[in-house]
Amino acid sequence: MIDWGRVAALREEVGREAFEEVVLMFLEETDETIRRLSAAPVAPLEEMLHFLKGSALNLGFRSVSRLCQEGERLAACGRGAEVELGVLVTSYRLARVEFLKGLERMEAG
């Protein structure tokens, strides 16, 4: 679900303090996007999924990224109604929990 190698590489690239800021910004922005996807999306679905996919890739949310990619492809073909937003939202929430627990373990270890 989470690409911990990507997480570790990003932490190494930006440094510990900047990494914490990146994580906070990521969670704020993605939580907001997930809230908007859970309701009736205001922005075009394809754009929202593209944004979420990029954010998810940056912090190693592999499963979320794949779901966004598939949804983005469907939306681009005019098949946005086929995007399983409930599955995406659930996947994000599960990945978020796993990510935060994993960060705690990284900090402790």
PDB file of N, CA and C in Angstrom:
ATOM      1  N   MET A   1       0.823  -1.190   0.000  1.00  0.00           N
ATOM      2  CA  MET A   1       0.000   0.000   0.000  1.00  0.00           C
ATOM      3  C   MET A   1       0.873   1.262   0.000  1.00  0.00           C
ATOM      4  N   ILE A   2       1.930   1.250   0.813  1.00  0.00           N
ATOM      5  CA  ILE A   2       2.850   2.392   0.890  1.00  0.00           C
ATOM      6  C   ILE A   2       4.221   1.951   0.389  1.00  0.00           C
ATOM      7  N   ASP A   3       4.822   2.766  -0.440  1.00  0.00           N
ATOM      8  CA  ASP A   3       6.183   2.512  -0.921  1.00  0.00           C
ATOM      9  C   ASP A   3       7.142   3.183   0.061  1.00  0.00           C
ATOM     10  N   TRP A   4       7.566   2.408   1.065  1.00  0.00           N
ATOM     11  CA  TRP A   4       8.410   2.979   2.125  1.00  0.00           C
ATOM     12  C   TRP A   4       9.776   3.389   1.605  1.00  0.00           C
ATOM     13  N   GLY A   5      10.240   2.765   0.549  1.00  0.00           N
ATOM     14  CA  GLY A   5      11.489   3.188  -0.071  1.00  0.00           C
ATOM     15  C   GLY A   5      11.383   4.606  -0.593  1.00  0.00           C
ATOM     16  N   ARG A   6      10.235   4.933  -1.198  1.00  0.00           N
ATOM     17  CA  ARG A   6       9.998   6.288  -1.702  1.00  0.00           C
ATOM     18  C   ARG A   6       9.931   7.273  -0.541  1.00  0.00           C
ATOM     19  N   VAL A   7       9.274   6.882   0.527  1.00  0.00           N
ATOM     20  CA  VAL A   7       9.150   7.750   1.704  1.00  0.00           C
ATOM     21  C   VAL A   7      10.542   8.046   2.267  1.00  0.00           C
ATOM     22  N   ALA A   8      11.351   7.013   2.427  1.00  0.00           N
ATOM     23  CA  ALA A   8      12.704   7.189   2.963  1.00  0.00           C
ATOM     24  C   ALA A   8      13.555   8.048   2.031  1.00  0.00           C
ATOM     25  N   ALA A   9      13.422   7.837   0.729  1.00  0.00           N
ATOM     26  CA  ALA A   9      14.194   8.617  -0.236  1.00  0.00           C
ATOM     27  C   ALA A   9      13.804  10.092  -0.185  1.00  0.00           C
ATOM     28  N   LEU A  10      12.517  10.374  -0.094  1.00  0.00           N
ATOM     29  CA  LEU A  10      12.063  11.759  -0.002  1.00  0.00           C
ATOM     30  C   LEU A  10      12.580  12.405   1.276  1.00  0.00           C
ATOM     31  N   ARG A  11      12.513  11.677   2.363  1.00  0.00           N
ATOM     32  CA  ARG A  11      13.002  12.203   3.646  1.00  0.00           C
ATOM     33  C   ARG A  11      14.488  12.522   3.550  1.00  0.00           C
ATOM     34  N   GLU A  12      15.222  11.657   2.888  1.00  0.00           N
ATOM     35  CA  GLU A  12      16.658  11.872   2.706  1.00  0.00           C
ATOM     36  C   GLU A  12      16.919  13.085   1.803  1.00  0.00           C
ATOM     37  N   GLU A  13      16.135  13.214   0.746  1.00  0.00           N
ATOM     38  CA  GLU A  13      16.317  14.298  -0.227  1.00  0.00           C
ATOM     39  C   GLU A  13      16.084  15.672   0.382  1.00  0.00           C
ATOM     40  N   VAL A  14      14.996  15.801   1.156  1.00  0.00           N
ATOM     41  CA  VAL A  14      14.612  17.127   1.637  1.00  0.00           C
ATOM     42  C   VAL A  14      15.070  17.423   3.055  1.00  0.00           C
ATOM     43  N   GLY A  15      15.493  16.417   3.785  1.00  0.00           N
ATOM     44  CA  GLY A  15      15.896  16.608   5.178  1.00  0.00           C
ATOM     45  C   GLY A  15      14.715  16.429   6.110  1.00  0.00           C
ATOM     46  N   ARG A  16      15.027  16.186   7.353  1.00  0.00           N
ATOM     47  CA  ARG A  16      14.004  15.847   8.351  1.00  0.00           C
ATOM     48  C   ARG A  16      12.969  16.954   8.555  1.00  0.00           C
ATOM     49  N   GLU A  17      13.411  18.200   8.769  1.00  0.00           N
ATOM     50  CA  GLU A  17      12.468  19.298   9.013  1.00  0.00           C
ATOM     51  C   GLU A  17      11.582  19.550   7.815  1.00  0.00           C
ATOM     52  N   ALA A  18      12.180  19.641   6.632  1.00  0.00           N
ATOM     53  CA  ALA A  18      11.405  19.881   5.424  1.00  0.00           C
ATOM     54  C   ALA A  18      10.456  18.720   5.155  1.00  0.00           C
ATOM     55  N   PHE A  19      10.885  17.509   5.477  1.00  0.00           N
ATOM     56  CA  PHE A  19      10.038  16.342   5.279  1.00  0.00           C
ATOM     57  C   PHE A  19       8.761  16.460   6.108  1.00  0.00           C
ATOM     58  N   GLU A  20       8.898  16.863   7.348  1.00  0.00           N
ATOM     59  CA  GLU A  20       7.719  17.039   8.202  1.00  0.00           C
ATOM     60  C   GLU A  20       6.765  18.062   7.599  1.00  0.00           C
ATOM     61  N   GLU A  21       7.309  19.146   7.051  1.00  0.00           N
ATOM     62  CA  GLU A  21       6.471  20.161   6.403  1.00  0.00           C
ATOM     63  C   GLU A  21       5.788  19.604   5.160  1.00  0.00           C
ATOM     64  N   VAL A  22       6.522  18.818   4.380  1.00  0.00           N
ATOM     65  CA  VAL A  22       5.967  18.201   3.179  1.00  0.00           C
ATOM     66  C   VAL A  22       4.818  17.271   3.564  1.00  0.00           C
ATOM     67  N   VAL A  23       5.014  16.481   4.600  1.00  0.00           N
ATOM     68  CA  VAL A  23       3.978  15.548   5.050  1.00  0.00           C
ATOM     69  C   VAL A  23       2.733  16.319   5.492  1.00  0.00           C
ATOM     70  N   LEU A  24       2.918  17.360   6.283  1.00  0.00           N
ATOM     71  CA  LEU A  24       1.770  18.146   6.749  1.00  0.00           C
ATOM     72  C   LEU A  24       1.014  18.769   5.581  1.00  0.00           C
ATOM     73  N   MET A  25       1.740  19.345   4.638  1.00  0.00           N
ATOM     74  CA  MET A  25       1.109  19.957   3.477  1.00  0.00           C
ATOM     75  C   MET A  25       0.381  18.897   2.650  1.00  0.00           C
ATOM     76  N   PHE A  26       1.038  17.759   2.446  1.00  0.00           N
ATOM     77  CA  PHE A  26       0.432  16.663   1.707  1.00  0.00           C
ATOM     78  C   PHE A  26      -0.888  16.239   2.339  1.00  0.00           C
ATOM     79  N   LEU A  27      -0.869  16.009   3.641  1.00  0.00           N
ATOM     80  CA  LEU A  27      -2.072  15.540   4.325  1.00  0.00           C
ATOM     81  C   LEU A  27      -3.189  16.577   4.269  1.00  0.00           C
ATOM     82  N   GLU A  28      -2.853  17.843   4.452  1.00  0.00           N
ATOM     83  CA  GLU A  28      -3.872  18.896   4.371  1.00  0.00           C
ATOM     84  C   GLU A  28      -4.507  18.934   2.990  1.00  0.00           C
ATOM     85  N   GLU A  29      -3.673  18.947   1.957  1.00  0.00           N
ATOM     86  CA  GLU A  29      -4.179  19.063   0.588  1.00  0.00           C
ATOM     87  C   GLU A  29      -4.935  17.811   0.154  1.00  0.00           C
ATOM     88  N   THR A  30      -4.407  16.650   0.472  1.00  0.00           N
ATOM     89  CA  THR A  30      -5.077  15.426   0.043  1.00  0.00           C
ATOM     90  C   THR A  30      -6.345  15.169   0.848  1.00  0.00           C
ATOM     91  N   ASP A  31      -6.326  15.487   2.133  1.00  0.00           N
ATOM     92  CA  ASP A  31      -7.550  15.345   2.932  1.00  0.00           C
ATOM     93  C   ASP A  31      -8.665  16.214   2.340  1.00  0.00           C
ATOM     94  N   GLU A  32      -8.322  17.426   1.949  1.00  0.00           N
ATOM     95  CA  GLU A  32      -9.311  18.327   1.347  1.00  0.00           C
ATOM     96  C   GLU A  32      -9.819  17.760   0.019  1.00  0.00           C
ATOM     97  N   THR A  33      -8.930  17.241  -0.795  1.00  0.00           N
ATOM     98  CA  THR A  33      -9.340  16.665  -2.071  1.00  0.00           C
ATOM     99  C   THR A  33     -10.243  15.458  -1.839  1.00  0.00           C
ATOM    100  N   ILE A  34      -9.906  14.636  -0.869  1.00  0.00           N
ATOM    101  CA  ILE A  34     -10.733  13.470  -0.544  1.00  0.00           C
ATOM    102  C   ILE A  34     -12.108  13.923  -0.052  1.00  0.00           C
ATOM    103  N   ARG A  35     -12.155  14.968   0.761  1.00  0.00           N
ATOM    104  CA  ARG A  35     -13.454  15.495   1.211  1.00  0.00           C
ATOM    105  C   ARG A  35     -14.286  15.941   0.012  1.00  0.00           C
ATOM    106  N   ARG A  36     -13.650  16.617  -0.929  1.00  0.00           N
ATOM    107  CA  ARG A  36     -14.363  17.090  -2.116  1.00  0.00           C
ATOM    108  C   ARG A  36     -14.819  15.922  -2.991  1.00  0.00           C
ATOM    109  N   LEU A  37     -14.011  14.889  -3.084  1.00  0.00           N
ATOM    110  CA  LEU A  37     -14.405  13.717  -3.868  1.00  0.00           C
ATOM    111  C   LEU A  37     -15.529  12.948  -3.181  1.00  0.00           C
ATOM    112  N   SER A  38     -15.570  12.988  -1.863  1.00  0.00           N
ATOM    113  CA  SER A  38     -16.609  12.292  -1.115  1.00  0.00           C
ATOM    114  C   SER A  38     -17.967  12.960  -1.304  1.00  0.00           C
ATOM    115  N   ALA A  39     -17.931  14.274  -1.491  1.00  0.00           N
ATOM    116  CA  ALA A  39     -19.159  15.024  -1.778  1.00  0.00           C
ATOM    117  C   ALA A  39     -19.291  15.068  -3.304  1.00  0.00           C
ATOM    118  N   ALA A  40     -20.108  15.915  -3.798  1.00  0.00           N
ATOM    119  CA  ALA A  40     -20.210  16.084  -5.253  1.00  0.00           C
ATOM    120  C   ALA A  40     -19.009  16.919  -5.699  1.00  0.00           C
ATOM    121  N   PRO A  41     -18.087  16.328  -6.477  1.00  0.00           N
ATOM    122  CA  PRO A  41     -16.909  17.082  -6.919  1.00  0.00           C
ATOM    123  C   PRO A  41     -17.281  18.347  -7.685  1.00  0.00           C
ATOM    124  N   VAL A  42     -16.676  19.466  -7.287  1.00  0.00           N
ATOM    125  CA  VAL A  42     -16.935  20.751  -7.939  1.00  0.00           C
ATOM    126  C   VAL A  42     -16.001  20.906  -9.130  1.00  0.00           C
ATOM    127  N   ALA A  43     -14.735  20.680  -8.915  1.00  0.00           N
ATOM    128  CA  ALA A  43     -13.754  20.781  -9.998  1.00  0.00           C
ATOM    129  C   ALA A  43     -13.917  19.576 -10.912  1.00  0.00           C
ATOM    130  N   PRO A  44     -13.438  19.680 -12.130  1.00  0.00           N
ATOM    131  CA  PRO A  44     -13.494  18.506 -13.014  1.00  0.00           C
ATOM    132  C   PRO A  44     -12.806  17.302 -12.363  1.00  0.00           C
ATOM    133  N   LEU A  45     -13.477  16.166 -12.428  1.00  0.00           N
ATOM    134  CA  LEU A  45     -13.001  14.945 -11.788  1.00  0.00           C
ATOM    135  C   LEU A  45     -11.594  14.588 -12.252  1.00  0.00           C
ATOM    136  N   GLU A  46     -11.349  14.693 -13.541  1.00  0.00           N
ATOM    137  CA  GLU A  46     -10.031  14.341 -14.080  1.00  0.00           C
ATOM    138  C   GLU A  46      -8.929  15.161 -13.416  1.00  0.00           C
ATOM    139  N   GLU A  47      -9.164  16.450 -13.227  1.00  0.00           N
ATOM    140  CA  GLU A  47      -8.163  17.327 -12.597  1.00  0.00           C
ATOM    141  C   GLU A  47      -7.928  16.943 -11.142  1.00  0.00           C
ATOM    142  N   MET A  48      -9.012  16.651 -10.437  1.00  0.00           N
ATOM    143  CA  MET A  48      -8.878  16.284  -9.029  1.00  0.00           C
ATOM    144  C   MET A  48      -8.093  14.975  -8.889  1.00  0.00           C
ATOM    145  N   LEU A  49      -8.387  14.021  -9.749  1.00  0.00           N
ATOM    146  CA  LEU A  49      -7.687  12.746  -9.690  1.00  0.00           C
ATOM    147  C   LEU A  49      -6.227  12.891 -10.088  1.00  0.00           C
ATOM    148  N   HIS A  50      -5.958  13.760 -11.056  1.00  0.00           N
ATOM    149  CA  HIS A  50      -4.577  14.003 -11.474  1.00  0.00           C
ATOM    150  C   HIS A  50      -3.769  14.599 -10.313  1.00  0.00           C
ATOM    151  N   PHE A  51      -4.345  15.571  -9.642  1.00  0.00           N
ATOM    152  CA  PHE A  51      -3.677  16.184  -8.490  1.00  0.00           C
ATOM    153  C   PHE A  51      -3.412  15.143  -7.405  1.00  0.00           C
ATOM    154  N   LEU A  52      -4.441  14.381  -7.076  1.00  0.00           N
ATOM    155  CA  LEU A  52      -4.302  13.385  -6.010  1.00  0.00           C
ATOM    156  C   LEU A  52      -3.288  12.314  -6.388  1.00  0.00           C
ATOM    157  N   LYS A  53      -3.277  11.918  -7.647  1.00  0.00           N
ATOM    158  CA  LYS A  53      -2.312  10.914  -8.122  1.00  0.00           C
ATOM    159  C   LYS A  53      -0.883  11.408  -7.924  1.00  0.00           C
ATOM    160  N   GLY A  54      -0.616  12.642  -8.321  1.00  0.00           N
ATOM    161  CA  GLY A  54       0.731  13.197  -8.166  1.00  0.00           C
ATOM    162  C   GLY A  54       1.146  13.302  -6.715  1.00  0.00           C
ATOM    163  N   SER A  55       0.241  13.755  -5.885  1.00  0.00           N
ATOM    164  CA  SER A  55       0.529  13.866  -4.456  1.00  0.00           C
ATOM    165  C   SER A  55       0.790  12.499  -3.852  1.00  0.00           C
ATOM    166  N   ALA A  56      -0.042  11.548  -4.227  1.00  0.00           N
ATOM    167  CA  ALA A  56       0.105  10.189  -3.699  1.00  0.00           C
ATOM    168  C   ALA A  56       1.434   9.579  -4.125  1.00  0.00           C
ATOM    169  N   LEU A  57       1.829   9.794  -5.354  1.00  0.00           N
ATOM    170  CA  LEU A  57       3.116   9.268  -5.839  1.00  0.00           C
ATOM    171  C   LEU A  57       4.287   9.846  -5.064  1.00  0.00           C
ATOM    172  N   ASN A  58       4.213  11.134  -4.758  1.00  0.00           N
ATOM    173  CA  ASN A  58       5.304  11.794  -4.048  1.00  0.00           C
ATOM    174  C   ASN A  58       5.573  11.190  -2.682  1.00  0.00           C
ATOM    175  N   LEU A  59       4.521  10.736  -2.015  1.00  0.00           N
ATOM    176  CA  LEU A  59       4.712  10.189  -0.676  1.00  0.00           C
ATOM    177  C   LEU A  59       4.486   8.691  -0.602  1.00  0.00           C
ATOM    178  N   GLY A  60       4.530   8.033  -1.740  1.00  0.00           N
ATOM    179  CA  GLY A  60       4.540   6.576  -1.738  1.00  0.00           C
ATOM    180  C   GLY A  60       3.207   5.888  -1.559  1.00  0.00           C
ATOM    181  N   PHE A  61       2.104   6.590  -1.732  1.00  0.00           N
ATOM    182  CA  PHE A  61       0.783   5.971  -1.621  1.00  0.00           C
ATOM    183  C   PHE A  61       0.492   5.237  -2.926  1.00  0.00           C
ATOM    184  N   ARG A  62       1.091   4.066  -3.099  1.00  0.00           N
ATOM    185  CA  ARG A  62       1.002   3.319  -4.365  1.00  0.00           C
ATOM    186  C   ARG A  62      -0.422   2.971  -4.756  1.00  0.00           C
ATOM    187  N   SER A  63      -1.176   2.393  -3.854  1.00  0.00           N
ATOM    188  CA  SER A  63      -2.523   1.934  -4.207  1.00  0.00           C
ATOM    189  C   SER A  63      -3.429   3.110  -4.572  1.00  0.00           C
ATOM    190  N   VAL A  64      -3.303   4.197  -3.840  1.00  0.00           N
ATOM    191  CA  VAL A  64      -4.102   5.389  -4.129  1.00  0.00           C
ATOM    192  C   VAL A  64      -3.713   5.938  -5.501  1.00  0.00           C
ATOM    193  N   SER A  65      -2.448   5.992  -5.759  1.00  0.00           N
ATOM    194  CA  SER A  65      -1.947   6.487  -7.043  1.00  0.00           C
ATOM    195  C   SER A  65      -2.504   5.674  -8.208  1.00  0.00           C
ATOM    196  N   ARG A  66      -2.496   4.348  -8.070  1.00  0.00           N
ATOM    197  CA  ARG A  66      -3.017   3.482  -9.144  1.00  0.00           C
ATOM    198  C   ARG A  66      -4.505   3.709  -9.370  1.00  0.00           C
ATOM    199  N   LEU A  67      -5.263   3.832  -8.283  1.00  0.00           N
ATOM    200  CA  LEU A  67      -6.694   4.082  -8.419  1.00  0.00           C
ATOM    201  C   LEU A  67      -6.959   5.428  -9.082  1.00  0.00           C
ATOM    202  N   CYS A  68      -6.182   6.425  -8.716  1.00  0.00           N
ATOM    203  CA  CYS A  68      -6.325   7.748  -9.328  1.00  0.00           C
ATOM    204  C   CYS A  68      -5.989   7.695 -10.815  1.00  0.00           C
ATOM    205  N   GLN A  69      -4.941   6.980 -11.150  1.00  0.00           N
ATOM    206  CA  GLN A  69      -4.543   6.864 -12.551  1.00  0.00           C
ATOM    207  C   GLN A  69      -5.658   6.231 -13.381  1.00  0.00           C
ATOM    208  N   GLU A  70      -6.231   5.163 -12.867  1.00  0.00           N
ATOM    209  CA  GLU A  70      -7.328   4.501 -13.571  1.00  0.00           C
ATOM    210  C   GLU A  70      -8.539   5.429 -13.672  1.00  0.00           C
ATOM    211  N   GLY A  71      -8.864   6.110 -12.579  1.00  0.00           N
ATOM    212  CA  GLY A  71      -9.989   7.050 -12.585  1.00  0.00           C
ATOM    213  C   GLY A  71      -9.755   8.208 -13.531  1.00  0.00           C
ATOM    214  N   GLU A  72      -8.545   8.696 -13.546  1.00  0.00           N
ATOM    215  CA  GLU A  72      -8.191   9.807 -14.444  1.00  0.00           C
ATOM    216  C   GLU A  72      -8.364   9.374 -15.904  1.00  0.00           C
ATOM    217  N   ARG A  73      -7.943   8.150 -16.202  1.00  0.00           N
ATOM    218  CA  ARG A  73      -8.078   7.624 -17.560  1.00  0.00           C
ATOM    219  C   ARG A  73      -9.552   7.525 -17.951  1.00  0.00           C
ATOM    220  N   LEU A  74     -10.359   6.997 -17.044  1.00  0.00           N
ATOM    221  CA  LEU A  74     -11.789   6.895 -17.317  1.00  0.00           C
ATOM    222  C   LEU A  74     -12.418   8.273 -17.514  1.00  0.00           C
ATOM    223  N   ALA A  75     -12.095   9.204 -16.638  1.00  0.00           N
ATOM    224  CA  ALA A  75     -12.650  10.554 -16.734  1.00  0.00           C
ATOM    225  C   ALA A  75     -12.244  11.226 -18.046  1.00  0.00           C
ATOM    226  N   ALA A  76     -11.010  11.004 -18.465  1.00  0.00           N
ATOM    227  CA  ALA A  76     -10.528  11.603 -19.724  1.00  0.00           C
ATOM    228  C   ALA A  76     -11.285  11.054 -20.929  1.00  0.00           C
ATOM    229  N   CYS A  77     -11.808   9.839 -20.808  1.00  0.00           N
ATOM    230  CA  CYS A  77     -12.566   9.205 -21.894  1.00  0.00           C
ATOM    231  C   CYS A  77     -14.061   9.483 -21.780  1.00  0.00           C
ATOM    232  N   GLY A  78     -14.432  10.385 -20.873  1.00  0.00           N
ATOM    233  CA  GLY A  78     -15.845  10.695 -20.698  1.00  0.00           C
ATOM    234  C   GLY A  78     -16.607   9.663 -19.896  1.00  0.00           C
ATOM    235  N   ARG A  79     -15.883   8.849 -19.159  1.00  0.00           N
ATOM    236  CA  ARG A  79     -16.507   7.771 -18.384  1.00  0.00           C
ATOM    237  C   ARG A  79     -16.329   8.000 -16.876  1.00  0.00           C
ATOM    238  N   GLY A  80     -16.350   9.266 -16.468  1.00  0.00           N
ATOM    239  CA  GLY A  80     -16.151   9.617 -15.068  1.00  0.00           C
ATOM    240  C   GLY A  80     -17.145   8.971 -14.117  1.00  0.00           C
ATOM    241  N   ALA A  81     -18.345   8.685 -14.597  1.00  0.00           N
ATOM    242  CA  ALA A  81     -19.347   8.051 -13.745  1.00  0.00           C
ATOM    243  C   ALA A  81     -18.928   6.635 -13.332  1.00  0.00           C
ATOM    244  N   GLU A  82     -17.988   6.046 -14.069  1.00  0.00           N
ATOM    245  CA  GLU A  82     -17.522   4.693 -13.758  1.00  0.00           C
ATOM    246  C   GLU A  82     -16.427   4.663 -12.694  1.00  0.00           C
ATOM    247  N   VAL A  83     -15.900   5.825 -12.354  1.00  0.00           N
ATOM    248  CA  VAL A  83     -14.838   5.895 -11.348  1.00  0.00           C
ATOM    249  C   VAL A  83     -15.432   5.528  -9.995  1.00  0.00           C
ATOM    250  N   GLU A  84     -14.834   4.571  -9.336  1.00  0.00           N
ATOM    251  CA  GLU A  84     -15.318   4.108  -8.038  1.00  0.00           C
ATOM    252  C   GLU A  84     -14.729   4.980  -6.934  1.00  0.00           C
ATOM    253  N   LEU A  85     -15.375   6.119  -6.719  1.00  0.00           N
ATOM    254  CA  LEU A  85     -14.861   7.080  -5.740  1.00  0.00           C
ATOM    255  C   LEU A  85     -14.866   6.522  -4.329  1.00  0.00           C
ATOM    256  N   GLY A  86     -15.838   5.698  -3.995  1.00  0.00           N
ATOM    257  CA  GLY A  86     -15.882   5.092  -2.657  1.00  0.00           C
ATOM    258  C   GLY A  86     -14.676   4.214  -2.397  1.00  0.00           C
ATOM    259  N   VAL A  87     -14.270   3.451  -3.401  1.00  0.00           N
ATOM    260  CA  VAL A  87     -13.085   2.598  -3.281  1.00  0.00           C
ATOM    261  C   VAL A  87     -11.844   3.464  -3.114  1.00  0.00           C
ATOM    262  N   LEU A  88     -11.762   4.536  -3.880  1.00  0.00           N
ATOM    263  CA  LEU A  88     -10.615   5.447  -3.798  1.00  0.00           C
ATOM    264  C   LEU A  88     -10.542   6.093  -2.419  1.00  0.00           C
ATOM    265  N   VAL A  89     -11.656   6.590  -1.940  1.00  0.00           N
ATOM    266  CA  VAL A  89     -11.689   7.248  -0.625  1.00  0.00           C
ATOM    267  C   VAL A  89     -11.285   6.265   0.475  1.00  0.00           C
ATOM    268  N   THR A  90     -11.825   5.066   0.426  1.00  0.00           N
ATOM    269  CA  THR A  90     -11.473   4.048   1.425  1.00  0.00           C
ATOM    270  C   THR A  90      -9.993   3.700   1.348  1.00  0.00           C
ATOM    271  N   SER A  91      -9.482   3.536   0.139  1.00  0.00           N
ATOM    272  CA  SER A  91      -8.066   3.225  -0.038  1.00  0.00           C
ATOM    273  C   SER A  91      -7.194   4.336   0.533  1.00  0.00           C
ATOM    274  N   TYR A  92      -7.568   5.578   0.284  1.00  0.00           N
ATOM    275  CA  TYR A  92      -6.799   6.709   0.817  1.00  0.00           C
ATOM    276  C   TYR A  92      -6.807   6.691   2.344  1.00  0.00           C
ATOM    277  N   ARG A  93      -7.975   6.494   2.916  1.00  0.00           N
ATOM    278  CA  ARG A  93      -8.072   6.517   4.384  1.00  0.00           C
ATOM    279  C   ARG A  93      -7.250   5.408   5.025  1.00  0.00           C
ATOM    280  N   LEU A  94      -7.286   4.219   4.429  1.00  0.00           N
ATOM    281  CA  LEU A  94      -6.471   3.110   4.940  1.00  0.00           C
ATOM    282  C   LEU A  94      -4.978   3.395   4.773  1.00  0.00           C
ATOM    283  N   ALA A  95      -4.600   3.921   3.621  1.00  0.00           N
ATOM    284  CA  ALA A  95      -3.193   4.244   3.369  1.00  0.00           C
ATOM    285  C   ALA A  95      -2.715   5.338   4.316  1.00  0.00           C
ATOM    286  N   ARG A  96      -3.574   6.293   4.593  1.00  0.00           N
ATOM    287  CA  ARG A  96      -3.220   7.397   5.486  1.00  0.00           C
ATOM    288  C   ARG A  96      -2.896   6.864   6.880  1.00  0.00           C
ATOM    289  N   VAL A  97      -3.743   5.963   7.373  1.00  0.00           N
ATOM    290  CA  VAL A  97      -3.518   5.361   8.692  1.00  0.00           C
ATOM    291  C   VAL A  97      -2.206   4.579   8.688  1.00  0.00           C
ATOM    292  N   GLU A  98      -1.997   3.751   7.671  1.00  0.00           N
ATOM    293  CA  GLU A  98      -0.762   2.971   7.580  1.00  0.00           C
ATOM    294  C   GLU A  98       0.453   3.890   7.497  1.00  0.00           C
ATOM    295  N   PHE A  99       0.342   4.956   6.732  1.00  0.00           N
ATOM    296  CA  PHE A  99       1.432   5.911   6.567  1.00  0.00           C
ATOM    297  C   PHE A  99       1.803   6.552   7.899  1.00  0.00           C
ATOM    298  N   LEU A 100       0.813   7.032   8.627  1.00  0.00           N
ATOM    299  CA  LEU A 100       1.099   7.696   9.905  1.00  0.00           C
ATOM    300  C   LEU A 100       1.702   6.725  10.928  1.00  0.00           C
ATOM    301  N   LYS A 101       1.202   5.497  10.949  1.00  0.00           N
ATOM    302  CA  LYS A 101       1.784   4.493  11.846  1.00  0.00           C
ATOM    303  C   LYS A 101       3.225   4.191  11.439  1.00  0.00           C
ATOM    304  N   GLY A 102       3.463   4.094  10.149  1.00  0.00           N
ATOM    305  CA  GLY A 102       4.810   3.829   9.657  1.00  0.00           C
ATOM    306  C   GLY A 102       5.765   4.959   9.966  1.00  0.00           C
ATOM    307  N   LEU A 103       5.279   6.200   9.881  1.00  0.00           N
ATOM    308  CA  LEU A 103       6.127   7.337  10.242  1.00  0.00           C
ATOM    309  C   LEU A 103       6.519   7.284  11.707  1.00  0.00           C
ATOM    310  N   GLU A 104       5.587   6.883  12.551  1.00  0.00           N
ATOM    311  CA  GLU A 104       5.892   6.751  13.979  1.00  0.00           C
ATOM    312  C   GLU A 104       6.991   5.727  14.185  1.00  0.00           C
ATOM    313  N   ARG A 105       6.905   4.605  13.460  1.00  0.00           N
ATOM    314  CA  ARG A 105       7.945   3.578  13.576  1.00  0.00           C
ATOM    315  C   ARG A 105       9.288   4.104  13.059  1.00  0.00           C
ATOM    316  N   MET A 106       9.259   4.892  11.976  1.00  0.00           N
ATOM    317  CA  MET A 106      10.503   5.455  11.439  1.00  0.00           C
ATOM    318  C   MET A 106      11.159   6.372  12.466  1.00  0.00           C
ATOM    319  N   GLU A 107      10.342   7.179  13.120  1.00  0.00           N
ATOM    320  CA  GLU A 107      10.852   8.103  14.124  1.00  0.00           C
ATOM    321  C   GLU A 107      11.429   7.367  15.324  1.00  0.00           C
ATOM    322  N   ALA A 108      10.770   6.283  15.707  1.00  0.00           N
ATOM    323  CA  ALA A 108      11.215   5.513  16.871  1.00  0.00           C
ATOM    324  C   ALA A 108      12.474   4.704  16.574  1.00  0.00           C
ATOM    325  N   GLY A 109      12.602   4.304  15.303  1.00  0.00           N
ATOM    326  CA  GLY A 109      13.730   3.425  14.958  1.00  0.00           C
ATOM    327  C   GLY A 109      14.849   4.195  14.452  1.00  0.00           C
TER     328      GLY A 109
END
